[in-house]
Each structure stands twice: as structure tokens, then as C-alpha cells.
Amino acid sequence: MEHATEVAAAIESSVESLVAVLERARLAQTPVIPPAQLRVLTIVAENRHTNMSRLAEALDVVPSSASRLCDRLEATGLLRRVADPRDRREVRLLLTTASRRLLTDLRQRRRAALSEVLERMPAGARQELLRALRAFEAAAGSGVGADAPAGDDLRSA
């Protein structure tokens, strides 16, 4: 059996290939959304009660940086800021129809790009990969990354 460090190196290399496939799918989309802005849309899509302070915390940036990202997204019609009905001092961030469509399109492009690569693999290898990924996810959920937020497949910033 291989040592965990050898497996880790192989995984790291595979992840770099995976990221390259996903990045090509992102860059093929029109308009091309910068990774940081895409990350904002993904965070807002995952939590309908996202406000500026939660966004800044999720991005691990100062609130003014999060606000500037939102300014850009709002200017392009991909994000709306509205007063929170529960506390009018808070500003809630909402996706627009255009941003929902963009995220759906990107998800479809990414899955198509991944499917294209997976189709080049033998069926047995795909099954092994699926089993291994499920085992990895289970192990990560009980270990070091257990407090990481569960998320969509669109994370990228």
C-alpha cells in the first residue's frame, strides 16, 4: 500500500488538473466573471440571509472590500442590496435572475467539462474514483475539515 504522503501528492496533482478543467469552463462563459465575484455569488446563493458582515466573514476580508465586490456585481446587474425586513439597519444581498442564470449555466458547463474527462476514463476507474471520493468526503467530514461549510460545486475564489 502507498504511504499517505504519496497519495496526498497524487491527489494534489489531480486537484490541479480538476481546477484547470473547471477554470476552462469558467473562462468559456460569457460574460467572464472574476473568481472573487463568482465566490460572492456562490456565497449568496448558498445562504439567502447573507448580509455584508456575513459575506465579509465568509470571504475573510474587511467589510469595505466585500462592499466593493458587491458594488461591481450590483453595477453589472448580478446582485441586489435590499433592507432586511427583520432589521432595516441591515442590508441583505440577493441574487438577480441574471446571476441565477449565470450560476446555472456555469454549473452545467463545469459538469459537461468534467463529464468529457470522465468519459475518457474506463468505466471501472470511474467507479473506483467515485468510491474513493465518497470515502474521502466521509473521512474529511470526521476530521480536520469538519467545520468547513458544506457548499455548492461553484467555489472558486
Protein backbone atom coordinates (compact mmCIF):
# COMPACT_ATOMS: atom_id res chain seq x y z
CA MET A 1 0.00 0.00 0.00
CA GLU A 2 1.19 3.51 -0.76
CA HIS A 3 2.12 5.92 2.00
CA ALA A 4 -0.34 8.67 2.78
CA THR A 5 2.17 11.30 1.60
CA GLU A 6 2.42 9.63 -1.83
CA VAL A 7 -1.36 9.53 -2.08
CA ALA A 8 -1.51 13.18 -0.97
CA ALA A 9 0.93 14.14 -3.74
CA ALA A 10 -1.17 12.28 -6.32
CA ILE A 11 -4.33 13.97 -5.05
CA GLU A 12 -2.66 17.38 -5.20
CA SER A 13 -1.69 16.78 -8.81
CA SER A 14 -5.21 15.56 -9.64
CA VAL A 15 -6.77 18.57 -7.96
CA GLU A 16 -4.61 20.87 -10.11
CA SER A 17 -5.97 19.08 -13.19
CA LEU A 18 -9.51 19.33 -11.85
CA VAL A 19 -9.13 23.06 -11.18
CA ALA A 20 -7.79 23.55 -14.71
CA VAL A 21 -10.85 21.82 -16.21
CA LEU A 22 -13.21 23.91 -14.07
CA GLU A 23 -11.33 27.12 -14.86
CA ARG A 24 -11.55 26.48 -18.61
CA ALA A 25 -15.32 26.09 -18.20
CA ARG A 26 -15.49 29.38 -16.27
CA LEU A 27 -13.44 31.24 -18.88
CA ALA A 28 -15.63 29.90 -21.70
CA GLN A 29 -18.65 31.58 -20.14
CA THR A 30 -19.84 34.96 -21.31
CA PRO A 31 -19.51 37.27 -19.52
CA VAL A 32 -16.43 36.03 -17.72
CA ILE A 33 -16.91 36.67 -14.02
CA PRO A 34 -13.75 37.16 -11.95
CA PRO A 35 -13.25 34.41 -9.33
CA ALA A 36 -13.76 36.74 -6.35
CA GLN A 37 -17.09 37.98 -7.73
CA LEU A 38 -18.13 34.42 -8.55
CA ARG A 39 -17.32 33.48 -4.96
CA VAL A 40 -19.64 36.26 -3.72
CA LEU A 41 -22.48 34.99 -5.91
CA THR A 42 -21.90 31.45 -4.67
CA ILE A 43 -21.97 32.52 -1.02
CA VAL A 44 -25.18 34.50 -1.54
CA ALA A 45 -26.72 31.57 -3.44
CA GLU A 46 -25.94 29.23 -0.55
CA ASN A 47 -27.49 31.45 2.12
CA ARG A 48 -30.50 33.61 1.40
CA HIS A 49 -29.88 35.60 4.59
CA THR A 50 -26.42 36.84 3.66
CA ASN A 51 -25.65 40.39 4.71
CA MET A 52 -22.45 42.41 4.28
CA SER A 53 -20.87 41.35 7.57
CA ARG A 54 -21.56 37.63 6.94
CA LEU A 55 -20.20 37.99 3.42
CA ALA A 56 -17.02 39.69 4.63
CA GLU A 57 -16.56 36.94 7.21
CA ALA A 58 -17.12 34.18 4.64
CA LEU A 59 -14.62 35.81 2.28
CA ASP A 60 -12.21 36.52 5.14
CA VAL A 61 -11.92 40.17 4.08
CA VAL A 62 -12.70 43.51 5.67
CA PRO A 63 -16.28 44.75 5.13
CA SER A 64 -15.14 47.56 2.80
CA SER A 65 -13.56 45.01 0.43
CA ALA A 66 -16.74 42.93 0.44
CA SER A 67 -18.74 46.08 -0.24
CA ARG A 68 -16.57 46.96 -3.26
CA LEU A 69 -17.10 43.47 -4.69
CA CYS A 70 -20.84 43.95 -4.23
CA ASP A 71 -20.66 47.38 -5.89
CA ARG A 72 -19.20 45.77 -9.01
CA LEU A 73 -21.76 42.97 -9.04
CA GLU A 74 -24.62 45.39 -8.48
CA ALA A 75 -23.37 47.62 -11.32
CA THR A 76 -23.48 44.65 -13.70
CA GLY A 77 -26.95 43.61 -12.59
CA LEU A 78 -25.86 40.41 -10.86
CA LEU A 79 -26.60 41.39 -7.26
CA ARG A 80 -29.16 43.48 -5.39
CA ARG A 81 -28.91 45.02 -1.94
CA VAL A 82 -32.15 45.43 -0.03
CA ALA A 83 -33.06 46.40 3.50
CA ASP A 84 -33.56 43.33 5.68
CA PRO A 85 -37.26 43.22 6.62
CA ARG A 86 -36.37 41.98 10.12
CA ASP A 87 -33.84 44.75 10.79
CA ARG A 88 -33.83 47.73 8.42
CA ARG A 89 -30.31 48.66 9.55
CA GLU A 90 -29.04 45.50 7.88
CA VAL A 91 -28.56 45.13 4.14
CA ARG A 92 -29.44 41.76 2.67
CA LEU A 93 -27.76 40.59 -0.51
CA LEU A 94 -29.91 38.97 -3.19
CA LEU A 95 -29.14 37.30 -6.48
CA THR A 96 -30.81 38.61 -9.59
CA THR A 97 -32.40 36.47 -12.28
CA ALA A 98 -29.29 37.09 -14.40
CA SER A 99 -26.93 35.83 -11.69
CA ARG A 100 -29.06 32.73 -11.06
CA ARG A 101 -28.96 32.01 -14.79
CA LEU A 102 -25.19 32.61 -14.83
CA LEU A 103 -24.62 30.18 -11.92
CA THR A 104 -26.84 27.54 -13.52
CA ASP A 105 -25.04 27.92 -16.84
CA LEU A 106 -21.65 27.70 -15.16
CA ARG A 107 -22.67 24.59 -13.23
CA GLN A 108 -23.81 22.97 -16.49
CA ARG A 109 -20.58 23.96 -18.27
CA ARG A 110 -18.46 22.58 -15.45
CA ARG A 111 -20.35 19.31 -15.30
CA ALA A 112 -20.10 18.94 -19.07
CA ALA A 113 -16.34 19.58 -18.94
CA LEU A 114 -15.94 17.06 -16.12
CA SER A 115 -18.10 14.52 -17.97
CA GLU A 116 -15.92 14.91 -21.04
CA VAL A 117 -12.84 13.97 -19.00
CA LEU A 118 -14.63 11.17 -17.15
CA GLU A 119 -15.82 9.65 -20.45
CA ARG A 120 -12.15 9.16 -21.39
CA MET A 121 -11.66 7.01 -18.28
CA PRO A 122 -12.53 3.30 -18.24
CA ALA A 123 -15.88 2.61 -16.53
CA GLY A 124 -14.18 0.65 -13.73
CA ALA A 125 -11.84 3.54 -12.99
CA ARG A 126 -14.80 5.93 -12.81
CA GLN A 127 -16.49 3.66 -10.27
CA GLU A 128 -13.28 3.43 -8.22
CA LEU A 129 -12.93 7.20 -8.33
CA LEU A 130 -16.50 7.66 -7.13
CA ARG A 131 -15.99 5.24 -4.24
CA ALA A 132 -12.70 6.92 -3.31
CA LEU A 133 -14.21 10.40 -3.42
CA ARG A 134 -17.10 9.33 -1.19
CA ALA A 135 -14.66 7.74 1.28
CA PHE A 136 -12.51 10.90 1.23
CA GLU A 137 -15.57 13.10 1.86
CA ALA A 138 -16.61 10.90 4.79
CA ALA A 139 -13.10 10.98 6.27
CA ALA A 140 -12.81 14.75 5.83
CA GLY A 141 -16.19 15.24 7.49
CA SER A 142 -14.97 13.49 10.62
CA GLY A 143 -11.52 15.02 10.66
CA VAL A 144 -9.68 18.29 10.27
CA GLY A 145 -12.04 19.93 7.75
CA ALA A 146 -15.19 19.03 9.66
CA ASP A 147 -16.01 22.66 10.46
CA ALA A 148 -15.73 23.78 6.83
CA PRO A 149 -19.06 24.86 5.36
CA ALA A 150 -20.81 22.43 3.06
CA GLY A 151 -21.12 24.04 -0.30
CA ASP A 152 -22.04 24.08 -3.90
CA ASP A 153 -19.71 22.95 -6.59
CA LEU A 154 -19.06 26.52 -7.68
CA ARG A 155 -16.48 27.63 -5.14
CA SER A 156 -13.62 29.35 -6.81
CA ALA A 157 -12.06 32.27 -5.05
